[in-house]
Amino acid sequence: MKLMESGQMYLETIYVLSKEKTSVHSIDVSEHMGYSKPSVSRAIGILKNGGYVEMAEDGALTLTEAGLTAAEKIYERHTILTEFLLRIGVDRKTAAEDACKMEHVISDDSLAALKRFVET
């Protein structure tokens, strides 16, 4: 199953929240992303069916191995793009927002070049 941009955003959000909290629930995702609970529930259901997310009986969300791999890749793309934009003078808020849009369309080759640039 190829992840759509929205699915990637949900995985990245769960990943980021899991670094901040001991457990992540749909309501946390909803509040973080500013989406309605029904929208988040639908998206989580799609991610569960795709094998990217598991839900415990208490509603805690956990990324599967495939989900974690995808989320880490998306998060790395976001981080590299944000850092690049900051280095060329874009303010932090705009850099984060633009990186969020760019991370879904940039080629692996261009990202690799940007990664080399920000790591020097």
N, C-alpha and C. Protein backbone atom coordinates (compact mmCIF):
# COMPACT_ATOMS: atom_id res chain seq x y z
N MET A 1 0.85 -1.19 0.00
CA MET A 1 0.00 0.00 0.00
C MET A 1 0.88 1.24 0.00
N LYS A 2 0.72 2.08 -1.00
CA LYS A 2 1.46 3.33 -1.07
C LYS A 2 0.75 4.36 -0.20
N LEU A 3 1.54 5.02 0.63
CA LEU A 3 0.97 6.02 1.53
C LEU A 3 0.70 7.32 0.81
N MET A 4 -0.49 7.82 0.99
CA MET A 4 -0.82 9.13 0.46
C MET A 4 -0.21 10.18 1.39
N GLU A 5 -0.17 11.42 0.95
CA GLU A 5 0.42 12.50 1.75
C GLU A 5 -0.24 12.58 3.12
N SER A 6 -1.56 12.47 3.17
CA SER A 6 -2.25 12.57 4.46
C SER A 6 -1.84 11.44 5.40
N GLY A 7 -1.69 10.24 4.87
CA GLY A 7 -1.24 9.12 5.68
C GLY A 7 0.16 9.35 6.22
N GLN A 8 1.01 9.92 5.39
CA GLN A 8 2.37 10.25 5.83
C GLN A 8 2.33 11.26 6.98
N MET A 9 1.43 12.24 6.87
CA MET A 9 1.32 13.26 7.92
C MET A 9 0.87 12.63 9.25
N TYR A 10 -0.07 11.70 9.17
CA TYR A 10 -0.52 11.04 10.39
C TYR A 10 0.61 10.22 11.02
N LEU A 11 1.34 9.48 10.21
CA LEU A 11 2.44 8.69 10.74
C LEU A 11 3.49 9.58 11.39
N GLU A 12 3.82 10.66 10.72
CA GLU A 12 4.81 11.60 11.28
C GLU A 12 4.30 12.17 12.61
N THR A 13 3.04 12.51 12.67
CA THR A 13 2.46 13.06 13.91
C THR A 13 2.52 12.04 15.03
N ILE A 14 2.14 10.81 14.76
CA ILE A 14 2.20 9.76 15.79
C ILE A 14 3.64 9.58 16.25
N TYR A 15 4.58 9.59 15.31
CA TYR A 15 5.99 9.45 15.62
C TYR A 15 6.48 10.58 16.53
N VAL A 16 6.17 11.81 16.15
CA VAL A 16 6.60 12.98 16.94
C VAL A 16 5.98 12.94 18.34
N LEU A 17 4.69 12.65 18.40
CA LEU A 17 4.01 12.59 19.70
C LEU A 17 4.56 11.48 20.58
N SER A 18 4.94 10.35 19.96
CA SER A 18 5.48 9.23 20.74
C SER A 18 6.83 9.56 21.35
N LYS A 19 7.53 10.54 20.79
CA LYS A 19 8.79 10.99 21.36
C LYS A 19 8.55 11.90 22.58
N GLU A 20 7.35 12.50 22.64
CA GLU A 20 7.01 13.44 23.70
C GLU A 20 6.17 12.81 24.82
N LYS A 21 5.42 11.76 24.50
CA LYS A 21 4.47 11.18 25.45
C LYS A 21 4.72 9.68 25.61
N THR A 22 4.29 9.15 26.75
CA THR A 22 4.46 7.71 26.96
C THR A 22 3.47 6.90 26.13
N SER A 23 2.29 7.45 25.87
CA SER A 23 1.35 6.79 24.97
C SER A 23 0.61 7.84 24.15
N VAL A 24 0.28 7.47 22.93
CA VAL A 24 -0.39 8.38 22.00
C VAL A 24 -1.76 7.80 21.68
N HIS A 25 -2.78 8.66 21.77
CA HIS A 25 -4.15 8.26 21.45
C HIS A 25 -4.66 9.13 20.30
N SER A 26 -5.74 8.70 19.70
CA SER A 26 -6.33 9.44 18.58
C SER A 26 -6.63 10.89 18.95
N ILE A 27 -7.06 11.14 20.18
CA ILE A 27 -7.38 12.51 20.60
C ILE A 27 -6.12 13.38 20.57
N ASP A 28 -4.96 12.79 20.91
CA ASP A 28 -3.70 13.53 20.86
C ASP A 28 -3.38 13.93 19.42
N VAL A 29 -3.58 12.99 18.51
CA VAL A 29 -3.35 13.25 17.09
C VAL A 29 -4.30 14.32 16.60
N SER A 30 -5.55 14.21 17.00
CA SER A 30 -6.57 15.18 16.61
C SER A 30 -6.20 16.59 17.06
N GLU A 31 -5.81 16.71 18.32
CA GLU A 31 -5.44 18.02 18.86
C GLU A 31 -4.18 18.57 18.19
N HIS A 32 -3.20 17.71 17.97
CA HIS A 32 -1.93 18.15 17.38
C HIS A 32 -2.12 18.64 15.94
N MET A 33 -2.93 17.91 15.18
CA MET A 33 -3.11 18.23 13.77
C MET A 33 -4.24 19.23 13.53
N GLY A 34 -5.11 19.42 14.52
CA GLY A 34 -6.24 20.32 14.35
C GLY A 34 -7.34 19.73 13.51
N TYR A 35 -7.45 18.39 13.50
CA TYR A 35 -8.48 17.70 12.73
C TYR A 35 -9.56 17.17 13.67
N SER A 36 -10.73 16.94 13.13
CA SER A 36 -11.83 16.41 13.94
C SER A 36 -11.52 14.96 14.32
N LYS A 37 -12.13 14.55 15.44
CA LYS A 37 -11.93 13.18 15.89
C LYS A 37 -12.40 12.14 14.86
N PRO A 38 -13.57 12.36 14.21
CA PRO A 38 -13.99 11.39 13.19
C PRO A 38 -12.99 11.28 12.02
N SER A 39 -12.41 12.40 11.60
CA SER A 39 -11.42 12.37 10.52
C SER A 39 -10.19 11.56 10.94
N VAL A 40 -9.75 11.77 12.17
CA VAL A 40 -8.58 11.05 12.68
C VAL A 40 -8.90 9.56 12.81
N SER A 41 -10.09 9.24 13.31
CA SER A 41 -10.48 7.83 13.46
C SER A 41 -10.49 7.12 12.12
N ARG A 42 -11.00 7.79 11.10
CA ARG A 42 -11.03 7.20 9.76
C ARG A 42 -9.61 6.96 9.25
N ALA A 43 -8.75 7.96 9.41
CA ALA A 43 -7.37 7.84 8.94
C ALA A 43 -6.62 6.74 9.69
N ILE A 44 -6.83 6.66 10.99
CA ILE A 44 -6.17 5.62 11.79
C ILE A 44 -6.64 4.25 11.34
N GLY A 45 -7.91 4.13 11.03
CA GLY A 45 -8.44 2.86 10.52
C GLY A 45 -7.76 2.44 9.22
N ILE A 46 -7.55 3.40 8.34
CA ILE A 46 -6.87 3.12 7.06
C ILE A 46 -5.43 2.69 7.33
N LEU A 47 -4.75 3.39 8.24
CA LEU A 47 -3.36 3.05 8.57
C LEU A 47 -3.27 1.69 9.25
N LYS A 48 -4.25 1.36 10.08
CA LYS A 48 -4.29 0.02 10.71
C LYS A 48 -4.45 -1.05 9.64
N ASN A 49 -5.38 -0.84 8.72
CA ASN A 49 -5.61 -1.81 7.65
C ASN A 49 -4.40 -1.96 6.75
N GLY A 50 -3.62 -0.90 6.61
CA GLY A 50 -2.42 -0.94 5.79
C GLY A 50 -1.21 -1.54 6.50
N GLY A 51 -1.38 -1.83 7.79
CA GLY A 51 -0.28 -2.44 8.55
C GLY A 51 0.73 -1.44 9.09
N TYR A 52 0.34 -0.19 9.22
CA TYR A 52 1.26 0.84 9.70
C TYR A 52 1.08 1.18 11.18
N VAL A 53 -0.11 0.93 11.72
CA VAL A 53 -0.43 1.31 13.09
C VAL A 53 -1.19 0.18 13.77
N GLU A 54 -0.93 0.02 15.05
CA GLU A 54 -1.72 -0.91 15.87
C GLU A 54 -2.37 -0.09 16.98
N MET A 55 -3.54 -0.55 17.44
CA MET A 55 -4.23 0.13 18.52
C MET A 55 -4.47 -0.86 19.65
N ALA A 56 -4.01 -0.49 20.84
CA ALA A 56 -4.22 -1.32 22.02
C ALA A 56 -5.67 -1.21 22.49
N GLU A 57 -6.04 -2.06 23.42
CA GLU A 57 -7.42 -2.03 23.94
C GLU A 57 -7.76 -0.70 24.58
N ASP A 58 -6.75 -0.02 25.17
CA ASP A 58 -7.01 1.28 25.79
C ASP A 58 -6.97 2.42 24.78
N GLY A 59 -6.79 2.09 23.49
CA GLY A 59 -6.78 3.10 22.43
C GLY A 59 -5.41 3.68 22.12
N ALA A 60 -4.37 3.20 22.83
CA ALA A 60 -3.02 3.69 22.57
C ALA A 60 -2.56 3.23 21.18
N LEU A 61 -1.98 4.16 20.45
CA LEU A 61 -1.50 3.89 19.09
C LEU A 61 -0.02 3.57 19.12
N THR A 62 0.36 2.56 18.36
CA THR A 62 1.76 2.17 18.22
C THR A 62 2.05 1.98 16.74
N LEU A 63 3.19 2.49 16.31
CA LEU A 63 3.61 2.27 14.93
C LEU A 63 4.15 0.86 14.79
N THR A 64 3.76 0.17 13.73
CA THR A 64 4.34 -1.13 13.42
C THR A 64 5.74 -0.90 12.87
N GLU A 65 6.44 -1.96 12.57
CA GLU A 65 7.77 -1.82 11.98
C GLU A 65 7.70 -1.03 10.67
N ALA A 66 6.70 -1.35 9.84
CA ALA A 66 6.54 -0.62 8.57
C ALA A 66 6.17 0.83 8.83
N GLY A 67 5.31 1.06 9.82
CA GLY A 67 4.91 2.42 10.17
C GLY A 67 6.07 3.23 10.71
N LEU A 68 6.87 2.62 11.55
CA LEU A 68 8.03 3.30 12.12
C LEU A 68 9.05 3.65 11.04
N THR A 69 9.30 2.72 10.14
CA THR A 69 10.24 2.97 9.04
C THR A 69 9.77 4.15 8.19
N ALA A 70 8.49 4.15 7.84
CA ALA A 70 7.94 5.24 7.03
C ALA A 70 7.98 6.56 7.79
N ALA A 71 7.59 6.53 9.06
CA ALA A 71 7.56 7.76 9.87
C ALA A 71 8.95 8.35 10.05
N GLU A 72 9.93 7.51 10.29
CA GLU A 72 11.31 8.00 10.45
C GLU A 72 11.81 8.65 9.17
N LYS A 73 11.48 8.05 8.03
CA LYS A 73 11.88 8.62 6.75
C LYS A 73 11.22 9.98 6.52
N ILE A 74 9.94 10.07 6.80
CA ILE A 74 9.20 11.33 6.63
C ILE A 74 9.75 12.39 7.56
N TYR A 75 9.98 12.00 8.81
CA TYR A 75 10.49 12.95 9.81
C TYR A 75 11.89 13.44 9.43
N GLU A 76 12.73 12.54 8.92
CA GLU A 76 14.07 12.95 8.48
C GLU A 76 13.96 13.96 7.33
N ARG A 77 13.09 13.70 6.39
CA ARG A 77 12.89 14.63 5.27
C ARG A 77 12.48 16.00 5.80
N HIS A 78 11.52 16.00 6.72
CA HIS A 78 11.03 17.25 7.31
C HIS A 78 12.17 18.00 8.01
N THR A 79 12.94 17.28 8.78
CA THR A 79 14.04 17.88 9.54
C THR A 79 15.10 18.48 8.63
N ILE A 80 15.49 17.75 7.61
CA ILE A 80 16.51 18.23 6.67
C ILE A 80 16.01 19.47 5.93
N LEU A 81 14.78 19.42 5.44
CA LEU A 81 14.23 20.56 4.71
C LEU A 81 14.08 21.78 5.61
N THR A 82 13.63 21.58 6.83
CA THR A 82 13.50 22.70 7.77
C THR A 82 14.86 23.33 8.02
N GLU A 83 15.86 22.50 8.28
CA GLU A 83 17.21 23.02 8.56
C GLU A 83 17.76 23.79 7.36
N PHE A 84 17.55 23.26 6.17
CA PHE A 84 18.01 23.95 4.97
C PHE A 84 17.35 25.33 4.86
N LEU A 85 16.05 25.37 5.01
CA LEU A 85 15.33 26.64 4.89
C LEU A 85 15.77 27.64 5.97
N LEU A 86 16.01 27.15 7.17
CA LEU A 86 16.51 28.04 8.23
C LEU A 86 17.87 28.62 7.86
N ARG A 87 18.73 27.79 7.30
CA ARG A 87 20.09 28.24 6.94
C ARG A 87 20.10 29.29 5.84
N ILE A 88 19.08 29.26 4.99
CA ILE A 88 19.07 30.28 3.93
C ILE A 88 18.24 31.50 4.32
N GLY A 89 17.83 31.55 5.61
CA GLY A 89 17.23 32.76 6.12
C GLY A 89 15.72 32.78 6.27
N VAL A 90 15.08 31.66 6.10
CA VAL A 90 13.62 31.60 6.28
C VAL A 90 13.34 31.53 7.79
N ASP A 91 12.31 32.24 8.24
CA ASP A 91 11.98 32.19 9.67
C ASP A 91 11.48 30.79 10.05
N ARG A 92 11.61 30.44 11.34
CA ARG A 92 11.33 29.08 11.83
C ARG A 92 9.91 28.61 11.50
N LYS A 93 8.91 29.44 11.71
CA LYS A 93 7.52 29.04 11.47
C LYS A 93 7.29 28.72 9.99
N THR A 94 7.75 29.62 9.13
CA THR A 94 7.58 29.42 7.68
C THR A 94 8.39 28.21 7.21
N ALA A 95 9.60 28.06 7.73
CA ALA A 95 10.46 26.93 7.34
C ALA A 95 9.77 25.61 7.68
N ALA A 96 9.20 25.51 8.87
CA ALA A 96 8.52 24.27 9.27
C ALA A 96 7.29 24.01 8.41
N GLU A 97 6.52 25.05 8.12
CA GLU A 97 5.32 24.89 7.30
C GLU A 97 5.69 24.49 5.86
N ASP A 98 6.69 25.15 5.29
CA ASP A 98 7.09 24.84 3.92
C ASP A 98 7.71 23.45 3.83
N ALA A 99 8.51 23.09 4.82
CA ALA A 99 9.14 21.77 4.83
C ALA A 99 8.06 20.68 4.84
N CYS A 100 6.98 20.95 5.56
CA CYS A 100 5.87 20.01 5.65
C CYS A 100 5.26 19.75 4.27
N LYS A 101 5.21 20.76 3.45
CA LYS A 101 4.67 20.62 2.10
C LYS A 101 5.70 19.96 1.17
N MET A 102 6.94 20.37 1.30
CA MET A 102 7.99 19.92 0.39
C MET A 102 8.39 18.46 0.61
N GLU A 103 8.29 17.98 1.85
CA GLU A 103 8.77 16.65 2.19
C GLU A 103 8.07 15.54 1.40
N HIS A 104 6.91 15.82 0.87
CA HIS A 104 6.12 14.80 0.17
C HIS A 104 6.43 14.74 -1.32
N VAL A 105 7.12 15.75 -1.85
CA VAL A 105 7.32 15.80 -3.29
C VAL A 105 8.79 15.83 -3.71
N ILE A 106 9.68 16.12 -2.80
CA ILE A 106 11.09 16.23 -3.16
C ILE A 106 11.67 14.85 -3.52
N SER A 107 12.52 14.81 -4.51
CA SER A 107 13.11 13.54 -4.92
C SER A 107 14.17 13.10 -3.91
N ASP A 108 14.45 11.81 -3.91
CA ASP A 108 15.49 11.28 -3.01
C ASP A 108 16.85 11.88 -3.33
N ASP A 109 17.13 12.12 -4.62
CA ASP A 109 18.42 12.71 -5.02
C ASP A 109 18.56 14.13 -4.49
N SER A 110 17.52 14.93 -4.64
CA SER A 110 17.58 16.31 -4.15
C SER A 110 17.68 16.33 -2.63
N LEU A 111 16.96 15.45 -1.97
CA LEU A 111 17.03 15.39 -0.52
C LEU A 111 18.43 15.00 -0.06
N ALA A 112 19.04 14.04 -0.75
CA ALA A 112 20.40 13.62 -0.39
C ALA A 112 21.38 14.79 -0.53
N ALA A 113 21.21 15.59 -1.57
CA ALA A 113 22.09 16.75 -1.76
C ALA A 113 21.87 17.77 -0.64
N LEU A 114 20.62 18.01 -0.27
CA LEU A 114 20.32 18.93 0.82
C LEU A 114 20.87 18.40 2.15
N LYS A 115 20.78 17.10 2.33
CA LYS A 115 21.30 16.49 3.55
C LYS A 115 22.82 16.71 3.66
N ARG A 116 23.51 16.51 2.56
CA ARG A 116 24.96 16.76 2.54
C ARG A 116 25.25 18.22 2.86
N PHE A 117 24.45 19.11 2.33
CA PHE A 117 24.63 20.55 2.55
C PHE A 117 24.44 20.91 4.02
N VAL A 118 23.36 20.42 4.64
CA VAL A 118 23.10 20.82 6.02
C VAL A 118 24.03 20.13 7.02
N GLU A 119 24.64 19.02 6.60
CA GLU A 119 25.55 18.32 7.50
C GLU A 119 26.97 18.88 7.45
N THR A 120 27.23 19.85 6.56
CA THR A 120 28.56 20.42 6.49
C THR A 120 28.67 21.71 7.26
